[in-house]
C-alpha cells in the first residue's frame, strides 16, 4: 500500500507542475536556469562560467556563445 501512496503523491506533485506553468517556453527557461544553477560549481560549469551566464539578461544566448558544441564522443573524451 505504501507504493500506491507514493504513486499518488508523485502524480499530485506532477499535476501541480503542469498546471502551475502551462507556458512551454517559460518551463524550458526554468529548467535551463535550474540546470545551469546546479552545474555552476562543477569543473565544466566553472570552465564555461555558468555563474556569469546566469547573470546575463539572456542566459540562453550567452550559453550558446560561450559553450562549444559537444557530441557524445567529444564530451566523453574531454570530461568523463
N, C-alpha and C. Protein backbone atom coordinates (compact mmCIF):
# COMPACT_ATOMS: atom_id res chain seq x y z
N UNK A 1 0.81 -1.21 0.00
CA UNK A 1 0.00 0.00 0.00
C UNK A 1 0.86 1.27 0.00
N UNK A 2 2.04 1.20 0.57
CA UNK A 2 2.91 2.38 0.59
C UNK A 2 3.28 2.80 -0.82
N UNK A 3 3.43 1.84 -1.70
CA UNK A 3 3.79 2.14 -3.10
C UNK A 3 2.67 2.93 -3.77
N UNK A 4 1.44 2.54 -3.54
CA UNK A 4 0.30 3.26 -4.14
C UNK A 4 0.26 4.70 -3.63
N UNK A 5 0.53 4.87 -2.34
CA UNK A 5 0.56 6.22 -1.78
C UNK A 5 1.63 7.08 -2.42
N UNK A 6 2.81 6.50 -2.65
CA UNK A 6 3.90 7.24 -3.30
C UNK A 6 3.54 7.60 -4.74
N UNK A 7 2.92 6.68 -5.45
CA UNK A 7 2.50 6.95 -6.83
C UNK A 7 1.50 8.09 -6.87
N UNK A 8 0.53 8.07 -5.97
CA UNK A 8 -0.48 9.15 -5.91
C UNK A 8 0.19 10.46 -5.56
N UNK A 9 1.10 10.44 -4.60
CA UNK A 9 1.81 11.67 -4.20
C UNK A 9 2.58 12.26 -5.38
N UNK A 10 3.31 11.42 -6.12
CA UNK A 10 4.07 11.90 -7.27
C UNK A 10 3.15 12.43 -8.37
N UNK A 11 2.01 11.78 -8.57
CA UNK A 11 1.05 12.24 -9.58
C UNK A 11 0.51 13.61 -9.21
N UNK A 12 0.22 13.83 -7.94
CA UNK A 12 -0.28 15.14 -7.50
C UNK A 12 0.80 16.19 -7.68
N UNK A 13 2.04 15.87 -7.31
CA UNK A 13 3.14 16.82 -7.49
C UNK A 13 3.33 17.18 -8.96
N UNK A 14 3.27 16.19 -9.81
CA UNK A 14 3.42 16.42 -11.25
C UNK A 14 2.28 17.26 -11.80
N UNK A 15 1.06 17.00 -11.35
CA UNK A 15 -0.07 17.76 -11.86
C UNK A 15 0.05 19.23 -11.48
N UNK A 16 0.57 19.52 -10.30
CA UNK A 16 0.77 20.92 -9.91
C UNK A 16 1.83 21.58 -10.79
N UNK A 17 2.86 20.84 -11.14
CA UNK A 17 3.91 21.38 -12.00
C UNK A 17 3.34 21.71 -13.37
N UNK A 18 2.56 20.84 -13.92
CA UNK A 18 1.98 21.04 -15.25
C UNK A 18 1.00 22.20 -15.23
N UNK A 19 0.14 22.26 -14.25
CA UNK A 19 -0.88 23.29 -14.19
C UNK A 19 -0.28 24.66 -13.83
N UNK A 20 0.71 24.68 -12.94
CA UNK A 20 1.28 25.94 -12.48
C UNK A 20 2.03 26.68 -13.57
N UNK A 21 2.57 25.98 -14.55
CA UNK A 21 3.37 26.64 -15.57
C UNK A 21 3.02 26.08 -16.96
N UNK A 22 1.90 26.52 -17.51
CA UNK A 22 1.46 25.95 -18.77
C UNK A 22 2.24 26.45 -20.00
N UNK A 23 3.02 27.50 -19.85
CA UNK A 23 3.77 28.06 -20.98
C UNK A 23 5.04 27.24 -21.20
N UNK A 24 5.16 26.55 -22.33
CA UNK A 24 6.33 25.70 -22.55
C UNK A 24 7.65 26.47 -22.61
N UNK A 25 7.63 27.69 -23.12
CA UNK A 25 8.86 28.49 -23.18
C UNK A 25 9.33 28.82 -21.78
N UNK A 26 8.43 29.26 -20.92
CA UNK A 26 8.81 29.56 -19.54
C UNK A 26 9.27 28.30 -18.82
N UNK A 27 8.63 27.18 -19.10
CA UNK A 27 9.04 25.92 -18.48
C UNK A 27 10.45 25.55 -18.89
N UNK A 28 10.77 25.69 -20.18
CA UNK A 28 12.11 25.37 -20.64
C UNK A 28 13.14 26.34 -20.08
N UNK A 29 12.80 27.60 -19.97
CA UNK A 29 13.72 28.58 -19.39
C UNK A 29 14.02 28.25 -17.94
N UNK A 30 12.99 27.82 -17.20
CA UNK A 30 13.19 27.45 -15.80
C UNK A 30 14.09 26.23 -15.69
N UNK A 31 13.86 25.22 -16.51
CA UNK A 31 14.69 24.02 -16.48
C UNK A 31 16.14 24.38 -16.84
N UNK A 32 16.32 25.20 -17.87
CA UNK A 32 17.65 25.64 -18.28
C UNK A 32 18.35 26.35 -17.13
N UNK A 33 17.65 27.28 -16.49
CA UNK A 33 18.22 28.02 -15.35
C UNK A 33 18.59 27.06 -14.22
N UNK A 34 17.71 26.13 -13.91
CA UNK A 34 17.98 25.16 -12.83
C UNK A 34 19.20 24.29 -13.16
N UNK A 35 19.31 23.86 -14.42
CA UNK A 35 20.46 23.05 -14.81
C UNK A 35 21.77 23.82 -14.67
N UNK A 36 21.77 25.06 -15.15
CA UNK A 36 22.98 25.88 -15.01
C UNK A 36 23.31 26.13 -13.54
N UNK A 37 22.29 26.42 -12.76
CA UNK A 37 22.48 26.69 -11.35
C UNK A 37 23.06 25.47 -10.63
N UNK A 38 22.54 24.29 -10.95
CA UNK A 38 23.03 23.07 -10.32
C UNK A 38 24.45 22.73 -10.77
N UNK A 39 24.83 23.11 -11.97
CA UNK A 39 26.14 22.75 -12.51
C UNK A 39 27.19 23.85 -12.37
N UNK A 40 26.84 24.98 -11.82
CA UNK A 40 27.76 26.12 -11.80
C UNK A 40 29.05 25.86 -11.02
N UNK A 41 29.03 24.93 -10.07
CA UNK A 41 30.22 24.65 -9.27
C UNK A 41 30.96 23.38 -9.72
N UNK A 42 30.53 22.79 -10.82
CA UNK A 42 31.25 21.65 -11.39
C UNK A 42 32.44 22.17 -12.18
N UNK A 43 33.36 21.28 -12.52
CA UNK A 43 34.51 21.69 -13.33
C UNK A 43 34.05 22.27 -14.67
N UNK A 44 33.04 21.64 -15.28
CA UNK A 44 32.51 22.12 -16.56
C UNK A 44 31.87 23.49 -16.39
N UNK A 45 31.08 23.65 -15.34
CA UNK A 45 30.42 24.92 -15.08
C UNK A 45 31.39 26.05 -14.78
N UNK A 46 32.46 25.72 -14.08
CA UNK A 46 33.48 26.73 -13.78
C UNK A 46 34.26 27.11 -15.05
N UNK A 47 34.58 26.10 -15.86
CA UNK A 47 35.34 26.39 -17.09
C UNK A 47 34.57 27.34 -18.00
N UNK A 48 33.27 27.14 -18.10
CA UNK A 48 32.46 27.96 -19.01
C UNK A 48 31.67 29.05 -18.28
N UNK A 49 32.03 29.31 -17.03
CA UNK A 49 31.48 30.44 -16.26
C UNK A 49 29.96 30.46 -16.21
N UNK A 50 29.37 29.37 -15.75
CA UNK A 50 27.92 29.30 -15.64
C UNK A 50 27.38 30.39 -14.73
N UNK A 51 28.14 30.78 -13.70
CA UNK A 51 27.68 31.87 -12.82
C UNK A 51 27.49 33.16 -13.61
N UNK A 52 28.44 33.46 -14.48
CA UNK A 52 28.33 34.67 -15.30
C UNK A 52 27.17 34.55 -16.29
N UNK A 53 27.01 33.37 -16.86
CA UNK A 53 25.92 33.15 -17.81
C UNK A 53 24.58 33.39 -17.12
N UNK A 54 24.43 32.91 -15.89
CA UNK A 54 23.18 33.09 -15.15
C UNK A 54 22.88 34.56 -14.88
N UNK A 55 23.92 35.38 -14.80
CA UNK A 55 23.74 36.81 -14.51
C UNK A 55 23.41 37.63 -15.75
N UNK A 56 23.54 37.04 -16.92
CA UNK A 56 23.28 37.76 -18.17
C UNK A 56 21.78 37.99 -18.37
N UNK A 57 21.42 39.06 -19.11
CA UNK A 57 20.00 39.30 -19.40
C UNK A 57 19.37 38.18 -20.23
N UNK A 58 20.16 37.57 -21.14
CA UNK A 58 19.68 36.45 -21.94
C UNK A 58 20.64 35.27 -21.76
N UNK A 59 20.43 34.46 -20.71
CA UNK A 59 21.36 33.36 -20.45
C UNK A 59 21.46 32.36 -21.60
N UNK A 60 20.38 32.13 -22.33
CA UNK A 60 20.42 31.19 -23.44
C UNK A 60 21.38 31.64 -24.52
N UNK A 61 21.32 32.90 -24.87
CA UNK A 61 22.22 33.45 -25.89
C UNK A 61 23.67 33.42 -25.40
N UNK A 62 23.87 33.79 -24.15
CA UNK A 62 25.21 33.79 -23.58
C UNK A 62 25.79 32.37 -23.55
N UNK A 63 24.96 31.39 -23.17
CA UNK A 63 25.39 30.00 -23.16
C UNK A 63 25.80 29.55 -24.56
N UNK A 64 24.99 29.89 -25.54
CA UNK A 64 25.27 29.49 -26.92
C UNK A 64 26.59 30.09 -27.42
N UNK A 65 26.92 31.29 -26.98
CA UNK A 65 28.15 31.94 -27.41
C UNK A 65 29.38 31.38 -26.69
N UNK A 66 29.23 31.02 -25.42
CA UNK A 66 30.38 30.63 -24.60
C UNK A 66 30.70 29.14 -24.60
N UNK A 67 29.68 28.31 -24.70
CA UNK A 67 29.89 26.86 -24.55
C UNK A 67 29.88 26.22 -25.93
N UNK A 68 30.99 25.57 -26.29
CA UNK A 68 31.04 24.95 -27.62
C UNK A 68 30.12 23.74 -27.69
N UNK A 69 29.82 23.35 -28.90
CA UNK A 69 29.01 22.16 -29.15
C UNK A 69 29.85 20.93 -28.82
N UNK A 70 29.25 19.98 -28.10
CA UNK A 70 29.90 18.72 -27.78
C UNK A 70 29.04 17.58 -28.29
N UNK A 71 29.62 16.70 -29.10
CA UNK A 71 28.91 15.46 -29.38
C UNK A 71 29.30 14.48 -28.27
N UNK A 72 28.68 13.32 -28.27
CA UNK A 72 28.91 12.36 -27.19
C UNK A 72 30.39 12.01 -27.04
N UNK A 73 31.05 11.69 -28.15
CA UNK A 73 32.45 11.28 -28.08
C UNK A 73 33.35 12.39 -27.56
N UNK A 74 33.11 13.59 -28.01
CA UNK A 74 33.95 14.71 -27.57
C UNK A 74 33.78 14.97 -26.07
N UNK A 75 32.55 15.01 -25.59
CA UNK A 75 32.37 15.27 -24.16
C UNK A 75 32.87 14.10 -23.33
N UNK A 76 32.71 12.88 -23.84
CA UNK A 76 33.22 11.70 -23.12
C UNK A 76 34.74 11.77 -23.00
N UNK A 77 35.40 12.06 -24.10
CA UNK A 77 36.87 12.10 -24.09
C UNK A 77 37.43 13.26 -23.29
N UNK A 78 36.76 14.40 -23.30
CA UNK A 78 37.31 15.58 -22.62
C UNK A 78 36.86 15.73 -21.16
N UNK A 79 35.69 15.18 -20.81
CA UNK A 79 35.15 15.45 -19.48
C UNK A 79 34.86 14.24 -18.62
N UNK A 80 34.73 13.05 -19.23
CA UNK A 80 34.38 11.90 -18.38
C UNK A 80 35.55 11.03 -18.21
